[in-house]
Amino acid sequence: VCGLQWILPVGAFEQLRNGLPDVEFVNADDLLNEVRMVKSALEIQQIRELWSLAKSAMQRFVEIVEPGRSQRELSAEAARVLLAGGARDILIFISEDGSASPPEDTPLKCDGVVTYHMEMSGESGHWAEITVHCAYREPSALAQRLMDSELRAYDEVRKMARPGARLSDMARTFERVLLDDGWELGPPTDHYDFHGQGMDTIELPWYAAAPGWGASQDRELVAGMVFSYHPRRAVRPKPDWLPGINEDVLITENGIERLAGDWNLRWRMMR
């Protein structure tokens, strides 16, 4: 039985056991997860197609965002692009103060950073996760310094994340660059640095600096794995803006391929 621990309702399982008293039920979650971790060539193509649609929807948000328009109105415009392209499910978070939440019927002030995040399931059933940050004033020198450090860390992670490396190696590479750049790191958190993504928006394996719910999965990388990349570290001194880098990546024999292609990860300066 797949989903025995987290998905199958207790009542349904009781009915199965009562109706089939001579059957031994075996938890097959690990078996299915092993298969799902590595994507087929067809799945990778379907995910690439979804990413093209995802970028179009996010670009639509950037084009129409302006002070006074409500969070829900803007989100509906961006979501319309996804739905027209065959999206089956959409999860949206929006923020102006760092506390992301689902869109509300509230007008945007656009006096700092508007962060817009979408997770979407495409026509094939695969998921993608993407974020954009629209800035209405120049970032502080400290915020810009952290952005530069995290982008350098991402470059280093992309080079070393080849088959045979582990998720913890990716996390250590990220931390090493921040330390080399002079940042002081706070205590480890249970925020996922990386988590698998495919037919579910969060799949195994996942990794956090501190064990989160369940346990961090420090797996060996295999070509064909797809991850949502969004490592976070509490740093000192803390900038007023955080980079919030978030996109999906494919593990290849030569390192990480950005499924977002040339998607701009820096703040979008709005004029």
Protein backbone atom coordinates (compact mmCIF):
# COMPACT_ATOMS: atom_id res chain seq x y z
CA VAL A 1 0.00 0.00 0.00
CA CYS A 2 1.38 3.41 -1.00
CA GLY A 3 0.43 6.37 1.17
CA LEU A 4 -0.17 4.19 4.23
CA GLN A 5 1.43 6.64 6.66
CA TRP A 6 0.51 10.08 5.30
CA ILE A 7 -2.28 9.73 2.72
CA LEU A 8 -4.59 6.74 3.25
CA PRO A 9 -7.47 7.66 5.63
CA VAL A 10 -7.60 5.59 8.78
CA GLY A 11 -11.20 4.64 8.10
CA ALA A 12 -10.39 3.37 4.61
CA PHE A 13 -7.53 1.27 5.94
CA GLU A 14 -9.78 -0.21 8.63
CA GLN A 15 -12.29 -1.21 5.95
CA LEU A 16 -9.53 -2.90 3.95
CA ARG A 17 -8.30 -4.85 6.98
CA ASN A 18 -11.80 -5.87 8.05
CA GLY A 19 -12.79 -6.87 4.51
CA LEU A 20 -9.56 -8.77 3.81
CA PRO A 21 -8.64 -10.41 7.14
CA ASP A 22 -6.20 -12.88 5.56
CA VAL A 23 -4.22 -10.25 3.66
CA GLU A 24 -0.91 -8.84 4.92
CA PHE A 25 -0.60 -5.14 4.07
CA VAL A 26 2.93 -3.86 3.43
CA ASN A 27 3.92 -0.20 3.37
CA ALA A 28 5.31 0.45 -0.14
CA ASP A 29 5.97 4.18 0.31
CA ASP A 30 9.75 3.77 0.07
CA LEU A 31 9.46 1.75 -3.13
CA LEU A 32 7.25 4.31 -4.83
CA ASN A 33 9.37 7.23 -3.61
CA GLU A 34 12.51 5.65 -5.06
CA VAL A 35 10.80 5.51 -8.45
CA ARG A 36 9.43 9.06 -8.21
CA MET A 37 12.76 10.65 -7.23
CA VAL A 38 14.28 10.23 -10.69
CA LYS A 39 12.30 11.71 -13.56
CA SER A 40 11.98 10.10 -16.97
CA ALA A 41 12.89 11.94 -20.18
CA LEU A 42 9.16 12.52 -20.83
CA GLU A 43 8.64 13.96 -17.34
CA ILE A 44 11.60 16.31 -17.75
CA GLN A 45 10.17 17.57 -21.04
CA GLN A 46 6.76 18.11 -19.43
CA ILE A 47 8.36 20.01 -16.55
CA ARG A 48 10.28 22.23 -18.99
CA GLU A 49 7.03 23.02 -20.78
CA LEU A 50 5.41 23.92 -17.46
CA TRP A 51 8.30 26.25 -16.65
CA SER A 52 7.74 28.16 -19.86
CA LEU A 53 4.11 28.68 -18.82
CA ALA A 54 5.11 29.58 -15.23
CA LYS A 55 7.47 32.32 -16.40
CA SER A 56 4.77 33.76 -18.64
CA ALA A 57 2.37 34.01 -15.70
CA MET A 58 4.95 35.63 -13.45
CA GLN A 59 5.93 38.09 -16.14
CA ARG A 60 2.27 39.04 -16.43
CA PHE A 61 2.26 39.90 -12.72
CA VAL A 62 5.34 42.10 -13.16
CA GLU A 63 3.66 43.92 -16.05
CA ILE A 64 0.47 44.78 -14.19
CA VAL A 65 1.50 45.28 -10.55
CA GLU A 66 1.01 48.87 -9.38
CA PRO A 67 0.02 50.73 -6.21
CA GLY A 68 -3.67 50.58 -5.30
CA ARG A 69 -4.54 47.36 -7.11
CA SER A 70 -5.70 44.58 -4.81
CA GLN A 71 -3.71 41.44 -4.15
CA ARG A 72 -6.56 39.27 -5.40
CA GLU A 73 -7.08 41.27 -8.59
CA LEU A 74 -3.41 41.03 -9.56
CA SER A 75 -3.19 37.35 -8.62
CA ALA A 76 -6.25 36.57 -10.72
CA GLU A 77 -4.64 38.19 -13.78
CA ALA A 78 -1.46 36.13 -13.39
CA ALA A 79 -3.40 32.94 -12.65
CA ARG A 80 -5.48 33.45 -15.78
CA VAL A 81 -2.33 32.86 -17.86
CA LEU A 82 -1.75 29.54 -16.09
CA LEU A 83 -5.34 28.37 -16.44
CA ALA A 84 -5.40 29.25 -20.13
CA GLY A 85 -2.28 27.11 -20.52
CA GLY A 86 -3.85 24.07 -18.88
CA ALA A 87 -2.80 24.44 -15.24
CA ARG A 88 -4.76 22.19 -12.89
CA ASP A 89 -3.95 23.66 -9.50
CA ILE A 90 -2.40 26.91 -8.25
CA LEU A 91 -1.02 27.99 -4.87
CA ILE A 92 -0.27 31.71 -4.41
CA PHE A 93 1.47 33.72 -1.69
CA ILE A 94 2.02 37.46 -1.71
CA SER A 95 3.77 39.80 0.69
CA GLU A 96 4.91 43.38 1.22
CA ASP A 97 6.36 42.93 4.71
CA GLY A 98 8.01 39.51 4.54
CA SER A 99 5.05 37.55 5.98
CA ALA A 100 3.74 35.79 2.88
CA SER A 101 0.09 34.73 2.88
CA PRO A 102 -2.64 33.92 0.33
CA PRO A 103 -3.94 36.97 -1.59
CA GLU A 104 -6.46 39.16 0.20
CA ASP A 105 -8.80 41.88 -0.98
CA THR A 106 -6.22 44.46 0.07
CA PRO A 107 -4.61 47.16 -2.11
CA LEU A 108 -0.85 47.09 -2.50
CA LYS A 109 1.17 50.04 -1.21
CA CYS A 110 4.23 49.30 -3.38
CA ASP A 111 6.57 51.27 -1.15
CA GLY A 112 9.18 48.54 -0.60
CA VAL A 113 9.32 45.01 -2.01
CA VAL A 114 6.28 43.14 -3.33
CA THR A 115 7.04 39.41 -3.23
CA TYR A 116 4.84 37.19 -5.37
CA HIS A 117 5.15 33.39 -5.20
CA MET A 118 3.29 30.78 -7.24
CA GLU A 119 3.28 27.00 -7.16
CA MET A 120 1.38 25.41 -10.00
CA SER A 121 0.46 21.99 -11.29
CA GLY A 122 0.52 21.83 -15.07
CA GLU A 123 -1.50 19.83 -17.54
CA SER A 124 0.80 16.83 -17.06
CA GLY A 125 0.27 16.89 -13.28
CA HIS A 126 3.82 18.05 -12.51
CA TRP A 127 4.50 21.00 -10.21
CA ALA A 128 6.74 24.06 -10.48
CA GLU A 129 7.61 26.75 -7.93
CA ILE A 130 8.68 30.30 -8.78
CA THR A 131 9.05 33.67 -7.02
CA VAL A 132 9.48 37.27 -8.17
CA HIS A 133 10.40 40.32 -6.07
CA CYS A 134 9.30 43.75 -7.33
CA ALA A 135 11.30 46.55 -5.67
CA TYR A 136 10.02 50.13 -5.48
CA ARG A 137 13.17 51.59 -3.96
CA GLU A 138 16.84 50.79 -4.15
CA PRO A 139 18.01 47.95 -1.91
CA SER A 140 20.32 48.86 0.94
CA ALA A 141 24.03 48.14 0.58
CA LEU A 142 23.71 45.32 3.13
CA ALA A 143 20.77 43.72 1.30
CA GLN A 144 22.62 43.95 -2.01
CA ARG A 145 25.70 42.37 -0.43
CA LEU A 146 23.65 39.37 0.75
CA MET A 147 22.00 39.00 -2.65
CA ASP A 148 25.44 38.91 -4.29
CA SER A 149 26.64 36.31 -1.77
CA GLU A 150 23.63 34.04 -2.30
CA LEU A 151 23.95 34.25 -6.08
CA ARG A 152 27.64 33.32 -5.81
CA ALA A 153 26.65 30.44 -3.54
CA TYR A 154 24.08 29.31 -6.10
CA ASP A 155 26.75 29.32 -8.82
CA GLU A 156 29.01 27.15 -6.67
CA VAL A 157 26.20 24.75 -5.78
CA ARG A 158 25.28 24.39 -9.44
CA LYS A 159 28.83 23.36 -10.30
CA MET A 160 29.25 20.72 -7.58
CA ALA A 161 25.76 19.19 -7.52
CA ARG A 162 26.63 16.21 -9.71
CA PRO A 163 25.58 12.57 -9.32
CA GLY A 164 27.32 11.09 -6.29
CA ALA A 165 27.29 14.29 -4.23
CA ARG A 166 24.82 14.54 -1.36
CA LEU A 167 22.23 17.11 -0.36
CA SER A 168 24.33 17.96 2.70
CA ASP A 169 27.25 18.74 0.35
CA MET A 170 25.03 21.26 -1.43
CA ALA A 171 24.05 22.83 1.90
CA ARG A 172 27.67 23.03 3.07
CA THR A 173 28.70 24.67 -0.21
CA PHE A 174 26.00 27.29 0.24
CA GLU A 175 27.13 27.98 3.81
CA ARG A 176 30.83 28.07 2.88
CA VAL A 177 30.33 30.88 0.38
CA LEU A 178 28.35 32.93 2.90
CA LEU A 179 31.06 32.40 5.53
CA ASP A 180 33.80 33.26 3.02
CA ASP A 181 31.95 36.49 2.29
CA GLY A 182 32.05 37.43 5.96
CA TRP A 183 28.52 36.57 7.09
CA GLU A 184 27.90 35.18 10.55
CA LEU A 185 25.40 32.30 10.42
CA GLY A 186 22.72 31.84 13.05
CA PRO A 187 21.37 28.53 14.39
CA PRO A 188 20.23 25.94 11.81
CA THR A 189 16.55 26.04 10.88
CA ASP A 190 14.01 23.44 9.74
CA HIS A 191 13.37 25.33 6.49
CA TYR A 192 14.01 23.04 3.52
CA ASP A 193 17.11 24.08 1.58
CA PHE A 194 16.03 21.76 -1.21
CA HIS A 195 13.11 19.39 -1.69
CA GLY A 196 12.16 17.06 -4.49
CA GLN A 197 9.37 18.16 -6.81
CA GLY A 198 7.35 16.30 -9.41
CA MET A 199 3.81 14.99 -9.27
CA ASP A 200 3.64 16.54 -5.77
CA THR A 201 4.85 20.03 -4.95
CA ILE A 202 6.98 18.56 -2.13
CA GLU A 203 8.51 15.12 -2.68
CA LEU A 204 11.42 13.16 -1.27
CA PRO A 205 14.26 13.71 -0.89
CA TRP A 206 14.41 16.89 1.14
CA TYR A 207 17.06 18.52 3.27
CA ALA A 208 17.07 21.07 6.08
CA ALA A 209 19.98 22.24 8.21
CA ALA A 210 17.97 21.08 11.24
CA PRO A 211 15.55 18.14 10.96
CA GLY A 212 12.05 19.35 10.13
CA TRP A 213 8.84 17.34 10.22
CA GLY A 214 9.66 13.69 9.58
CA ALA A 215 13.40 13.88 9.02
CA SER A 216 15.83 15.50 6.61
CA GLN A 217 16.73 13.12 3.80
CA ASP A 218 20.45 13.41 3.09
CA ARG A 219 20.31 11.47 -0.16
CA GLU A 220 22.94 10.95 -2.82
CA LEU A 221 22.18 12.90 -5.99
CA VAL A 222 21.15 11.01 -9.13
CA ALA A 223 20.85 12.46 -12.62
CA GLY A 224 17.19 13.15 -13.31
CA MET A 225 16.28 14.38 -9.85
CA VAL A 226 14.33 17.67 -9.76
CA PHE A 227 14.52 19.97 -6.73
CA SER A 228 13.01 23.19 -5.58
CA TYR A 229 16.03 25.31 -4.59
CA HIS A 230 15.49 27.80 -1.77
CA PRO A 231 18.16 27.60 0.96
CA ARG A 232 17.75 30.07 3.83
CA ARG A 233 20.15 31.03 6.59
CA ALA A 234 19.73 33.50 9.41
CA VAL A 235 22.69 35.86 8.95
CA ARG A 236 24.22 38.63 10.98
CA PRO A 237 24.09 41.49 10.44
CA LYS A 238 20.54 41.03 9.13
CA PRO A 239 19.57 43.14 6.09
CA ASP A 240 16.14 44.74 5.76
CA TRP A 241 15.53 42.72 2.56
CA LEU A 242 16.33 39.06 2.03
CA PRO A 243 17.16 37.63 -1.43
CA GLY A 244 14.39 35.00 -1.41
CA ILE A 245 15.94 32.99 -4.26
CA ASN A 246 13.52 30.25 -5.28
CA GLU A 247 13.33 28.15 -8.45
CA ASP A 248 13.48 24.54 -9.66
CA VAL A 249 16.61 22.73 -10.80
CA LEU A 250 17.45 19.50 -12.60
CA ILE A 251 20.42 17.33 -11.58
CA THR A 252 22.49 16.38 -14.65
CA GLU A 253 25.82 14.62 -15.14
CA ASN A 254 27.47 18.06 -15.39
CA GLY A 255 25.80 19.76 -12.42
CA ILE A 256 22.58 21.68 -12.00
CA GLU A 257 20.46 22.87 -14.92
CA ARG A 258 18.21 25.81 -14.12
CA LEU A 259 14.76 24.84 -15.36
CA ALA A 260 13.93 28.55 -15.26
CA GLY A 261 16.64 29.25 -17.83
CA ASP A 262 17.59 32.93 -17.70
CA TRP A 263 14.88 33.91 -15.20
CA ASN A 264 16.10 36.98 -13.29
CA LEU A 265 16.57 36.12 -9.61
CA ARG A 266 17.41 39.66 -8.49
CA TRP A 267 14.89 42.24 -7.37
CA ARG A 268 12.97 43.72 -10.29
CA MET A 269 13.44 47.48 -10.01
CA MET A 270 10.06 49.02 -10.79
CA ARG A 271 10.03 52.50 -12.36
